[in-house]
Amino acid sequence: MSAEIEELENGNTVMHAILEGQFLRDFTMSAMEGMLGELDETLDFTLEIEDMPLTIVLDSDGNPLSMTMEMHMVMVVEDEEMTMRMTSEFVFNGFGDSVVIL
């Protein structure tokens, strides 16, 4: 993972990082290994994940305010291809505050 950090005038910090696609692919394949093995050992399955850009904004206390990440993945099962391109945006409100369930 590579990262770049910048300080903003309002005291927030922005961190830009790249999660390595090959690491994500290997991790995913390892997690799916048991499930794939139960299907059929001759199953033709491939998975490709591109490097994933990630941006996190932290307040002056180091609490996350928001996170954005982009993912592009191609999965092929028995010559059927599925492509997924996804942008996820998360906003954290009151991070670290107590949670009360009524």
PDB file of N, CA and C in Angstrom:
ATOM      1  N   MET A   1       0.850  -1.166   0.000  1.00  0.00           N
ATOM      2  CA  MET A   1       0.000   0.000   0.000  1.00  0.00           C
ATOM      3  C   MET A   1       0.895   1.228   0.000  1.00  0.00           C
ATOM      4  N   SER A   2       0.573   2.175  -0.866  1.00  0.00           N
ATOM      5  CA  SER A   2       1.279   3.456  -0.846  1.00  0.00           C
ATOM      6  C   SER A   2       0.312   4.512  -0.329  1.00  0.00           C
ATOM      7  N   ALA A   3       0.842   5.531   0.340  1.00  0.00           N
ATOM      8  CA  ALA A   3      -0.027   6.557   0.919  1.00  0.00           C
ATOM      9  C   ALA A   3       0.609   7.934   0.809  1.00  0.00           C
ATOM     10  N   GLU A   4      -0.253   8.932   0.723  1.00  0.00           N
ATOM     11  CA  GLU A   4       0.162  10.328   0.691  1.00  0.00           C
ATOM     12  C   GLU A   4      -0.759  11.072   1.651  1.00  0.00           C
ATOM     13  N   ILE A   5      -0.172  11.906   2.517  1.00  0.00           N
ATOM     14  CA  ILE A   5      -0.964  12.605   3.535  1.00  0.00           C
ATOM     15  C   ILE A   5      -0.828  14.100   3.333  1.00  0.00           C
ATOM     16  N   GLU A   6      -1.974  14.802   3.439  1.00  0.00           N
ATOM     17  CA  GLU A   6      -1.944  16.270   3.338  1.00  0.00           C
ATOM     18  C   GLU A   6      -2.759  16.872   4.476  1.00  0.00           C
ATOM     19  N   GLU A   7      -2.243  17.956   5.038  1.00  0.00           N
ATOM     20  CA  GLU A   7      -2.928  18.687   6.106  1.00  0.00           C
ATOM     21  C   GLU A   7      -3.765  19.801   5.480  1.00  0.00           C
ATOM     22  N   LEU A   8      -5.004  19.936   5.922  1.00  0.00           N
ATOM     23  CA  LEU A   8      -5.864  21.002   5.429  1.00  0.00           C
ATOM     24  C   LEU A   8      -5.860  22.170   6.408  1.00  0.00           C
ATOM     25  N   GLU A   9      -6.249  23.339   5.947  1.00  0.00           N
ATOM     26  CA  GLU A   9      -6.225  24.537   6.782  1.00  0.00           C
ATOM     27  C   GLU A   9      -7.161  24.436   7.979  1.00  0.00           C
ATOM     28  N   ASN A  10      -8.250  23.657   7.848  1.00  0.00           N
ATOM     29  CA  ASN A  10      -9.208  23.557   8.950  1.00  0.00           C
ATOM     30  C   ASN A  10      -8.790  22.531  10.011  1.00  0.00           C
ATOM     31  N   GLY A  11      -7.575  21.985   9.906  1.00  0.00           N
ATOM     32  CA  GLY A  11      -7.082  21.027  10.891  1.00  0.00           C
ATOM     33  C   GLY A  11      -7.347  19.578  10.522  1.00  0.00           C
ATOM     34  N   ASN A  12      -8.131  19.344   9.486  1.00  0.00           N
ATOM     35  CA  ASN A  12      -8.380  17.980   9.039  1.00  0.00           C
ATOM     36  C   ASN A  12      -7.189  17.456   8.249  1.00  0.00           C
ATOM     37  N   THR A  13      -7.103  16.167   8.170  1.00  0.00           N
ATOM     38  CA  THR A  13      -6.042  15.494   7.414  1.00  0.00           C
ATOM     39  C   THR A  13      -6.684  14.631   6.346  1.00  0.00           C
ATOM     40  N   VAL A  14      -6.118  14.663   5.144  1.00  0.00           N
ATOM     41  CA  VAL A  14      -6.599  13.815   4.056  1.00  0.00           C
ATOM     42  C   VAL A  14      -5.494  12.823   3.728  1.00  0.00           C
ATOM     43  N   MET A  15      -5.863  11.538   3.708  1.00  0.00           N
ATOM     44  CA  MET A  15      -4.912  10.495   3.357  1.00  0.00           C
ATOM     45  C   MET A  15      -5.384   9.826   2.072  1.00  0.00           C
ATOM     46  N   HIS A  16      -4.511   9.827   1.080  1.00  0.00           N
ATOM     47  CA  HIS A  16      -4.777   9.136  -0.184  1.00  0.00           C
ATOM     48  C   HIS A  16      -3.915   7.878  -0.180  1.00  0.00           C
ATOM     49  N   ALA A  17      -4.528   6.739  -0.432  1.00  0.00           N
ATOM     50  CA  ALA A  17      -3.789   5.479  -0.432  1.00  0.00           C
ATOM     51  C   ALA A  17      -4.213   4.633  -1.622  1.00  0.00           C
ATOM     52  N   ILE A  18      -3.368   3.691  -1.967  1.00  0.00           N
ATOM     53  CA  ILE A  18      -3.679   2.731  -3.022  1.00  0.00           C
ATOM     54  C   ILE A  18      -3.537   1.340  -2.424  1.00  0.00           C
ATOM     55  N   LEU A  19      -4.624   0.594  -2.407  1.00  0.00           N
ATOM     56  CA  LEU A  19      -4.567  -0.796  -1.974  1.00  0.00           C
ATOM     57  C   LEU A  19      -4.206  -1.640  -3.189  1.00  0.00           C
ATOM     58  N   GLU A  20      -3.232  -2.504  -3.050  1.00  0.00           N
ATOM     59  CA  GLU A  20      -2.736  -3.278  -4.183  1.00  0.00           C
ATOM     60  C   GLU A  20      -3.742  -4.337  -4.616  1.00  0.00           C
ATOM     61  N   GLY A  21      -4.100  -4.305  -5.896  1.00  0.00           N
ATOM     62  CA  GLY A  21      -5.083  -5.228  -6.457  1.00  0.00           C
ATOM     63  C   GLY A  21      -4.669  -6.681  -6.321  1.00  0.00           C
ATOM     64  N   GLN A  22      -3.385  -6.981  -6.512  1.00  0.00           N
ATOM     65  CA  GLN A  22      -2.931  -8.370  -6.405  1.00  0.00           C
ATOM     66  C   GLN A  22      -3.106  -8.893  -4.989  1.00  0.00           C
ATOM     67  N   PHE A  23      -2.831  -8.053  -3.970  1.00  0.00           N
ATOM     68  CA  PHE A  23      -3.045  -8.456  -2.578  1.00  0.00           C
ATOM     69  C   PHE A  23      -4.530  -8.718  -2.333  1.00  0.00           C
ATOM     70  N   LEU A  24      -5.401  -7.812  -2.813  1.00  0.00           N
ATOM     71  CA  LEU A  24      -6.845  -7.984  -2.632  1.00  0.00           C
ATOM     72  C   LEU A  24      -7.338  -9.250  -3.321  1.00  0.00           C
ATOM     73  N   ARG A  25      -6.809  -9.521  -4.520  1.00  0.00           N
ATOM     74  CA  ARG A  25      -7.191 -10.726  -5.256  1.00  0.00           C
ATOM     75  C   ARG A  25      -6.770 -11.972  -4.488  1.00  0.00           C
ATOM     76  N   ASP A  26      -5.516 -12.001  -4.017  1.00  0.00           N
ATOM     77  CA  ASP A  26      -5.027 -13.166  -3.278  1.00  0.00           C
ATOM     78  C   ASP A  26      -5.822 -13.384  -2.000  1.00  0.00           C
ATOM     79  N   PHE A  27      -6.133 -12.308  -1.296  1.00  0.00           N
ATOM     80  CA  PHE A  27      -6.918 -12.393  -0.064  1.00  0.00           C
ATOM     81  C   PHE A  27      -8.314 -12.950  -0.353  1.00  0.00           C
ATOM     82  N   THR A  28      -8.964 -12.435  -1.407  1.00  0.00           N
ATOM     83  CA  THR A  28     -10.304 -12.888  -1.780  1.00  0.00           C
ATOM     84  C   THR A  28     -10.290 -14.354  -2.192  1.00  0.00           C
ATOM     85  N   MET A  29      -9.313 -14.737  -3.004  1.00  0.00           N
ATOM     86  CA  MET A  29      -9.221 -16.131  -3.447  1.00  0.00           C
ATOM     87  C   MET A  29      -8.984 -17.062  -2.258  1.00  0.00           C
ATOM     88  N   SER A  30      -8.174 -16.639  -1.304  1.00  0.00           N
ATOM     89  CA  SER A  30      -7.928 -17.447  -0.112  1.00  0.00           C
ATOM     90  C   SER A  30      -9.219 -17.618   0.695  1.00  0.00           C
ATOM     91  N   ALA A  31      -9.985 -16.545   0.823  1.00  0.00           N
ATOM     92  CA  ALA A  31     -11.245 -16.603   1.572  1.00  0.00           C
ATOM     93  C   ALA A  31     -12.277 -17.484   0.873  1.00  0.00           C
ATOM     94  N   MET A  32     -12.243 -17.527  -0.462  1.00  0.00           N
ATOM     95  CA  MET A  32     -13.216 -18.292  -1.235  1.00  0.00           C
ATOM     96  C   MET A  32     -12.758 -19.724  -1.513  1.00  0.00           C
ATOM     97  N   GLU A  33     -11.544 -20.067  -1.114  1.00  0.00           N
ATOM     98  CA  GLU A  33     -10.957 -21.357  -1.465  1.00  0.00           C
ATOM     99  C   GLU A  33     -11.835 -22.539  -1.056  1.00  0.00           C
ATOM    100  N   GLY A  34     -12.342 -22.533   0.149  1.00  0.00           N
ATOM    101  CA  GLY A  34     -13.191 -23.625   0.611  1.00  0.00           C
ATOM    102  C   GLY A  34     -14.462 -23.748  -0.199  1.00  0.00           C
ATOM    103  N   MET A  35     -15.090 -22.626  -0.492  1.00  0.00           N
ATOM    104  CA  MET A  35     -16.330 -22.637  -1.251  1.00  0.00           C
ATOM    105  C   MET A  35     -16.091 -23.125  -2.676  1.00  0.00           C
ATOM    106  N   LEU A  36     -15.025 -22.658  -3.309  1.00  0.00           N
ATOM    107  CA  LEU A  36     -14.736 -23.061  -4.685  1.00  0.00           C
ATOM    108  C   LEU A  36     -14.364 -24.534  -4.755  1.00  0.00           C
ATOM    109  N   GLY A  37     -13.653 -25.021  -3.752  1.00  0.00           N
ATOM    110  CA  GLY A  37     -13.257 -26.419  -3.734  1.00  0.00           C
ATOM    111  C   GLY A  37     -14.443 -27.355  -3.636  1.00  0.00           C
ATOM    112  N   GLU A  38     -15.519 -26.908  -2.968  1.00  0.00           N
ATOM    113  CA  GLU A  38     -16.713 -27.731  -2.822  1.00  0.00           C
ATOM    114  C   GLU A  38     -17.500 -27.825  -4.121  1.00  0.00           C
ATOM    115  N   LEU A  39     -17.344 -26.842  -5.010  1.00  0.00           N
ATOM    116  CA  LEU A  39     -18.114 -26.840  -6.250  1.00  0.00           C
ATOM    117  C   LEU A  39     -17.606 -27.914  -7.202  1.00  0.00           C
ATOM    118  N   ASP A  40     -16.458 -27.711  -7.759  1.00  0.00           N
ATOM    119  CA  ASP A  40     -15.904 -28.655  -8.721  1.00  0.00           C
ATOM    120  C   ASP A  40     -14.450 -28.281  -8.953  1.00  0.00           C
ATOM    121  N   GLU A  41     -13.564 -29.229  -8.783  1.00  0.00           N
ATOM    122  CA  GLU A  41     -12.135 -28.949  -8.932  1.00  0.00           C
ATOM    123  C   GLU A  41     -11.761 -28.541 -10.350  1.00  0.00           C
ATOM    124  N   THR A  42     -12.617 -28.858 -11.319  1.00  0.00           N
ATOM    125  CA  THR A  42     -12.315 -28.500 -12.703  1.00  0.00           C
ATOM    126  C   THR A  42     -12.958 -27.175 -13.102  1.00  0.00           C
ATOM    127  N   LEU A  43     -13.581 -26.492 -12.155  1.00  0.00           N
ATOM    128  CA  LEU A  43     -14.244 -25.219 -12.432  1.00  0.00           C
ATOM    129  C   LEU A  43     -13.230 -24.196 -12.940  1.00  0.00           C
ATOM    130  N   ASP A  44     -13.525 -23.582 -14.067  1.00  0.00           N
ATOM    131  CA  ASP A  44     -12.660 -22.550 -14.639  1.00  0.00           C
ATOM    132  C   ASP A  44     -13.077 -21.211 -14.038  1.00  0.00           C
ATOM    133  N   PHE A  45     -12.256 -20.697 -13.116  1.00  0.00           N
ATOM    134  CA  PHE A  45     -12.596 -19.479 -12.376  1.00  0.00           C
ATOM    135  C   PHE A  45     -11.380 -18.572 -12.320  1.00  0.00           C
ATOM    136  N   THR A  46     -11.546 -17.316 -12.726  1.00  0.00           N
ATOM    137  CA  THR A  46     -10.479 -16.332 -12.577  1.00  0.00           C
ATOM    138  C   THR A  46     -11.046 -15.059 -11.969  1.00  0.00           C
ATOM    139  N   LEU A  47     -10.192 -14.332 -11.290  1.00  0.00           N
ATOM    140  CA  LEU A  47     -10.584 -13.086 -10.647  1.00  0.00           C
ATOM    141  C   LEU A  47      -9.444 -12.096 -10.813  1.00  0.00           C
ATOM    142  N   GLU A  48      -9.758 -10.910 -11.278  1.00  0.00           N
ATOM    143  CA  GLU A  48      -8.777  -9.833 -11.393  1.00  0.00           C
ATOM    144  C   GLU A  48      -9.327  -8.613 -10.662  1.00  0.00           C
ATOM    145  N   ILE A  49      -8.499  -7.996  -9.835  1.00  0.00           N
ATOM    146  CA  ILE A  49      -8.885  -6.774  -9.120  1.00  0.00           C
ATOM    147  C   ILE A  49      -7.794  -5.743  -9.366  1.00  0.00           C
ATOM    148  N   GLU A  50      -8.194  -4.573  -9.863  1.00  0.00           N
ATOM    149  CA  GLU A  50      -7.234  -3.492 -10.092  1.00  0.00           C
ATOM    150  C   GLU A  50      -6.848  -2.847  -8.766  1.00  0.00           C
ATOM    151  N   ASP A  51      -5.721  -2.119  -8.770  1.00  0.00           N
ATOM    152  CA  ASP A  51      -5.347  -1.340  -7.594  1.00  0.00           C
ATOM    153  C   ASP A  51      -6.518  -0.441  -7.210  1.00  0.00           C
ATOM    154  N   MET A  52      -6.762  -0.311  -5.896  1.00  0.00           N
ATOM    155  CA  MET A  52      -7.942   0.388  -5.402  1.00  0.00           C
ATOM    156  C   MET A  52      -7.565   1.710  -4.721  1.00  0.00           C
ATOM    157  N   PRO A  53      -7.911   2.862  -5.354  1.00  0.00           N
ATOM    158  CA  PRO A  53      -7.667   4.152  -4.703  1.00  0.00           C
ATOM    159  C   PRO A  53      -8.610   4.343  -3.503  1.00  0.00           C
ATOM    160  N   LEU A  54      -8.068   4.905  -2.434  1.00  0.00           N
ATOM    161  CA  LEU A  54      -8.809   5.096  -1.188  1.00  0.00           C
ATOM    162  C   LEU A  54      -8.460   6.478  -0.648  1.00  0.00           C
ATOM    163  N   THR A  55      -9.468   7.235  -0.243  1.00  0.00           N
ATOM    164  CA  THR A  55      -9.249   8.541   0.364  1.00  0.00           C
ATOM    165  C   THR A  55      -9.980   8.584   1.701  1.00  0.00           C
ATOM    166  N   ILE A  56      -9.253   8.949   2.758  1.00  0.00           N
ATOM    167  CA  ILE A  56      -9.837   9.044   4.096  1.00  0.00           C
ATOM    168  C   ILE A  56      -9.593  10.456   4.619  1.00  0.00           C
ATOM    169  N   VAL A  57     -10.638  11.083   5.166  1.00  0.00           N
ATOM    170  CA  VAL A  57     -10.518  12.400   5.790  1.00  0.00           C
ATOM    171  C   VAL A  57     -10.659  12.203   7.298  1.00  0.00           C
ATOM    172  N   LEU A  58      -9.669  12.724   8.044  1.00  0.00           N
ATOM    173  CA  LEU A  58      -9.649  12.620   9.502  1.00  0.00           C
ATOM    174  C   LEU A  58      -9.772  14.009  10.112  1.00  0.00           C
ATOM    175  N   ASP A  59     -10.459  14.101  11.252  1.00  0.00           N
ATOM    176  CA  ASP A  59     -10.515  15.387  11.940  1.00  0.00           C
ATOM    177  C   ASP A  59      -9.224  15.607  12.714  1.00  0.00           C
ATOM    178  N   SER A  60      -9.127  16.715  13.426  1.00  0.00           N
ATOM    179  CA  SER A  60      -7.885  17.061  14.124  1.00  0.00           C
ATOM    180  C   SER A  60      -7.552  16.089  15.254  1.00  0.00           C
ATOM    181  N   ASP A  61      -8.543  15.304  15.725  1.00  0.00           N
ATOM    182  CA  ASP A  61      -8.302  14.289  16.760  1.00  0.00           C
ATOM    183  C   ASP A  61      -8.002  12.918  16.178  1.00  0.00           C
ATOM    184  N   GLY A  62      -7.973  12.808  14.842  1.00  0.00           N
ATOM    185  CA  GLY A  62      -7.686  11.529  14.196  1.00  0.00           C
ATOM    186  C   GLY A  62      -8.906  10.657  13.966  1.00  0.00           C
ATOM    187  N   ASN A  63     -10.106  11.198  14.230  1.00  0.00           N
ATOM    188  CA  ASN A  63     -11.330  10.439  13.988  1.00  0.00           C
ATOM    189  C   ASN A  63     -11.715  10.522  12.515  1.00  0.00           C
ATOM    190  N   PRO A  64     -12.173   9.423  11.920  1.00  0.00           N
ATOM    191  CA  PRO A  64     -12.560   9.475  10.501  1.00  0.00           C
ATOM    192  C   PRO A  64     -13.835  10.278  10.297  1.00  0.00           C
ATOM    193  N   LEU A  65     -13.816  11.131   9.283  1.00  0.00           N
ATOM    194  CA  LEU A  65     -15.001  11.893   8.899  1.00  0.00           C
ATOM    195  C   LEU A  65     -15.652  11.288   7.653  1.00  0.00           C
ATOM    196  N   SER A  66     -14.806  10.857   6.708  1.00  0.00           N
ATOM    197  CA  SER A  66     -15.342  10.256   5.484  1.00  0.00           C
ATOM    198  C   SER A  66     -14.295   9.353   4.856  1.00  0.00           C
ATOM    199  N   MET A  67     -14.782   8.470   3.992  1.00  0.00           N
ATOM    200  CA  MET A  67     -13.900   7.575   3.255  1.00  0.00           C
ATOM    201  C   MET A  67     -14.528   7.318   1.889  1.00  0.00           C
ATOM    202  N   THR A  68     -13.708   7.367   0.859  1.00  0.00           N
ATOM    203  CA  THR A  68     -14.151   7.074  -0.505  1.00  0.00           C
ATOM    204  C   THR A  68     -13.187   6.066  -1.105  1.00  0.00           C
ATOM    205  N   MET A  69     -13.727   5.060  -1.799  1.00  0.00           N
ATOM    206  CA  MET A  69     -12.866   4.106  -2.481  1.00  0.00           C
ATOM    207  C   MET A  69     -13.511   3.674  -3.787  1.00  0.00           C
ATOM    208  N   GLU A  70     -12.641   3.339  -4.738  1.00  0.00           N
ATOM    209  CA  GLU A  70     -13.087   2.903  -6.058  1.00  0.00           C
ATOM    210  C   GLU A  70     -12.548   1.500  -6.306  1.00  0.00           C
ATOM    211  N   MET A  71     -13.408   0.641  -6.859  1.00  0.00           N
ATOM    212  CA  MET A  71     -12.993  -0.730  -7.107  1.00  0.00           C
ATOM    213  C   MET A  71     -13.411  -1.154  -8.508  1.00  0.00           C
ATOM    214  N   HIS A  72     -12.519  -1.854  -9.175  1.00  0.00           N
ATOM    215  CA  HIS A  72     -12.824  -2.433 -10.479  1.00  0.00           C
ATOM    216  C   HIS A  72     -12.380  -3.889 -10.431  1.00  0.00           C
ATOM    217  N   MET A  73     -13.333  -4.791 -10.689  1.00  0.00           N
ATOM    218  CA  MET A  73     -13.077  -6.216 -10.580  1.00  0.00           C
ATOM    219  C   MET A  73     -13.675  -6.935 -11.784  1.00  0.00           C
ATOM    220  N   VAL A  74     -12.975  -7.943 -12.270  1.00  0.00           N
ATOM    221  CA  VAL A  74     -13.483  -8.793 -13.347  1.00  0.00           C
ATOM    222  C   VAL A  74     -13.391 -10.239 -12.873  1.00  0.00           C
ATOM    223  N   MET A  75     -14.534 -10.939 -12.910  1.00  0.00           N
ATOM    224  CA  MET A  75     -14.588 -12.335 -12.521  1.00  0.00           C
ATOM    225  C   MET A  75     -15.093 -13.148 -13.713  1.00  0.00           C
ATOM    226  N   VAL A  76     -14.412 -14.238 -14.006  1.00  0.00           N
ATOM    227  CA  VAL A  76     -14.821 -15.114 -15.110  1.00  0.00           C
ATOM    228  C   VAL A  76     -15.044 -16.512 -14.544  1.00  0.00           C
ATOM    229  N   VAL A  77     -16.255 -17.036 -14.782  1.00  0.00           N
ATOM    230  CA  VAL A  77     -16.597 -18.395 -14.377  1.00  0.00           C
ATOM    231  C   VAL A  77     -17.093 -19.119 -15.612  1.00  0.00           C
ATOM    232  N   GLU A  78     -16.346 -20.152 -16.012  1.00  0.00           N
ATOM    233  CA  GLU A  78     -16.749 -20.965 -17.169  1.00  0.00           C
ATOM    234  C   GLU A  78     -17.091 -20.090 -18.381  1.00  0.00           C
ATOM    235  N   ASP A  79     -16.202 -19.187 -18.731  1.00  0.00           N
ATOM    236  CA  ASP A  79     -16.334 -18.307 -19.901  1.00  0.00           C
ATOM    237  C   ASP A  79     -17.431 -17.255 -19.782  1.00  0.00           C
ATOM    238  N   GLU A  80     -18.058 -17.129 -18.623  1.00  0.00           N
ATOM    239  CA  GLU A  80     -19.039 -16.064 -18.385  1.00  0.00           C
ATOM    240  C   GLU A  80     -18.343 -14.974 -17.576  1.00  0.00           C
ATOM    241  N   GLU A  81     -18.311 -13.762 -18.117  1.00  0.00           N
ATOM    242  CA  GLU A  81     -17.576 -12.672 -17.479  1.00  0.00           C
ATOM    243  C   GLU A  81     -18.518 -11.700 -16.779  1.00  0.00           C
ATOM    244  N   MET A  82     -18.137 -11.319 -15.575  1.00  0.00           N
ATOM    245  CA  MET A  82     -18.865 -10.299 -14.827  1.00  0.00           C
ATOM    246  C   MET A  82     -17.866  -9.195 -14.479  1.00  0.00           C
ATOM    247  N   THR A  83     -18.189  -7.976 -14.862  1.00  0.00           N
ATOM    248  CA  THR A  83     -17.346  -6.827 -14.549  1.00  0.00           C
ATOM    249  C   THR A  83     -18.080  -5.948 -13.545  1.00  0.00           C
ATOM    250  N   MET A  84     -17.372  -5.520 -12.513  1.00  0.00           N
ATOM    251  CA  MET A  84     -17.973  -4.654 -11.510  1.00  0.00           C
ATOM    252  C   MET A  84     -17.074  -3.437 -11.322  1.00  0.00           C
ATOM    253  N   ARG A  85     -17.651  -2.275 -11.448  1.00  0.00           N
ATOM    254  CA  ARG A  85     -16.964  -1.015 -11.160  1.00  0.00           C
ATOM    255  C   ARG A  85     -17.810  -0.321 -10.103  1.00  0.00           C
ATOM    256  N   MET A  86     -17.197  -0.018  -8.963  1.00  0.00           N
ATOM    257  CA  MET A  86     -17.963   0.487  -7.833  1.00  0.00           C
ATOM    258  C   MET A  86     -17.215   1.642  -7.173  1.00  0.00           C
ATOM    259  N   THR A  87     -17.952   2.672  -6.828  1.00  0.00           N
ATOM    260  CA  THR A  87     -17.428   3.760  -6.009  1.00  0.00           C
ATOM    261  C   THR A  87     -18.234   3.771  -4.713  1.00  0.00           C
ATOM    262  N   SER A  88     -17.548   3.677  -3.589  1.00  0.00           N
ATOM    263  CA  SER A  88     -18.203   3.681  -2.281  1.00  0.00           C
ATOM    264  C   SER A  88     -17.822   4.949  -1.544  1.00  0.00           C
ATOM    265  N   GLU A  89     -18.819   5.603  -0.984  1.00  0.00           N
ATOM    266  CA  GLU A  89     -18.584   6.812  -0.195  1.00  0.00           C
ATOM    267  C   GLU A  89     -19.218   6.626   1.172  1.00  0.00           C
ATOM    268  N   PHE A  90     -18.425   6.798   2.213  1.00  0.00           N
ATOM    269  CA  PHE A  90     -18.895   6.644   3.581  1.00  0.00           C
ATOM    270  C   PHE A  90     -18.730   7.978   4.310  1.00  0.00           C
ATOM    271  N   VAL A  91     -19.725   8.357   5.092  1.00  0.00           N
ATOM    272  CA  VAL A  91     -19.634   9.545   5.931  1.00  0.00           C
ATOM    273  C   VAL A  91     -19.886   9.081   7.365  1.00  0.00           C
ATOM    274  N   PHE A  92     -18.968   9.441   8.265  1.00  0.00           N
ATOM    275  CA  PHE A  92     -19.067   9.024   9.657  1.00  0.00           C
ATOM    276  C   PHE A  92     -19.570  10.211  10.485  1.00  0.00           C
ATOM    277  N   ASN A  93     -20.722  10.053  11.085  1.00  0.00           N
ATOM    278  CA  ASN A  93     -21.296  11.098  11.935  1.00  0.00           C
ATOM    279  C   ASN A  93     -21.156  10.690  13.397  1.00  0.00           C
ATOM    280  N   GLY A  94     -20.562  11.550  14.197  1.00  0.00           N
ATOM    281  CA  GLY A  94     -20.431  11.277  15.633  1.00  0.00           C
ATOM    282  C   GLY A  94     -19.556  10.069  15.917  1.00  0.00           C
ATOM    283  N   PHE A  95     -18.471   9.888  15.150  1.00  0.00           N
ATOM    284  CA  PHE A  95     -17.586   8.740  15.350  1.00  0.00           C
ATOM    285  C   PHE A  95     -17.052   8.755  16.770  1.00  0.00           C
ATOM    286  N   GLY A  96     -17.171   7.634  17.461  1.00  0.00           N
ATOM    287  CA  GLY A  96     -16.678   7.509  18.837  1.00  0.00           C
ATOM    288  C   GLY A  96     -17.697   7.895  19.881  1.00  0.00           C
ATOM    289  N   ASP A  97     -18.839   8.474  19.473  1.00  0.00           N
ATOM    290  CA  ASP A  97     -19.890   8.817  20.440  1.00  0.00           C
ATOM    291  C   ASP A  97     -20.555   7.541  20.947  1.00  0.00           C
ATOM    292  N   SER A  98     -21.137   7.624  22.124  1.00  0.00           N
ATOM    293  CA  SER A  98     -21.880   6.489  22.673  1.00  0.00           C
ATOM    294  C   SER A  98     -23.114   6.216  21.830  1.00  0.00           C
ATOM    295  N   VAL A  99     -23.483   4.957  21.763  1.00  0.00           N
ATOM    296  CA  VAL A  99     -24.677   4.556  21.019  1.00  0.00           C
ATOM    297  C   VAL A  99     -25.733   4.120  22.034  1.00  0.00           C
ATOM    298  N   VAL A 100     -26.928   4.669  21.886  1.00  0.00           N
ATOM    299  CA  VAL A 100     -28.039   4.307  22.769  1.00  0.00           C
ATOM    300  C   VAL A 100     -29.115   3.653  21.920  1.00  0.00           C
ATOM    301  N   ILE A 101     -29.489   2.436  22.288  1.00  0.00           N
ATOM    302  CA  ILE A 101     -30.554   1.726  21.577  1.00  0.00           C
ATOM    303  C   ILE A 101     -31.793   1.789  22.437  1.00  0.00           C
ATOM    304  N   LEU A 102     -32.855   2.330  21.876  1.00  0.00           N
ATOM    305  CA  LEU A 102     -34.106   2.473  22.636  1.00  0.00           C
ATOM    306  C   LEU A 102     -34.999   1.290  22.448  1.00  0.00           C
TER     307      LEU A 102
END
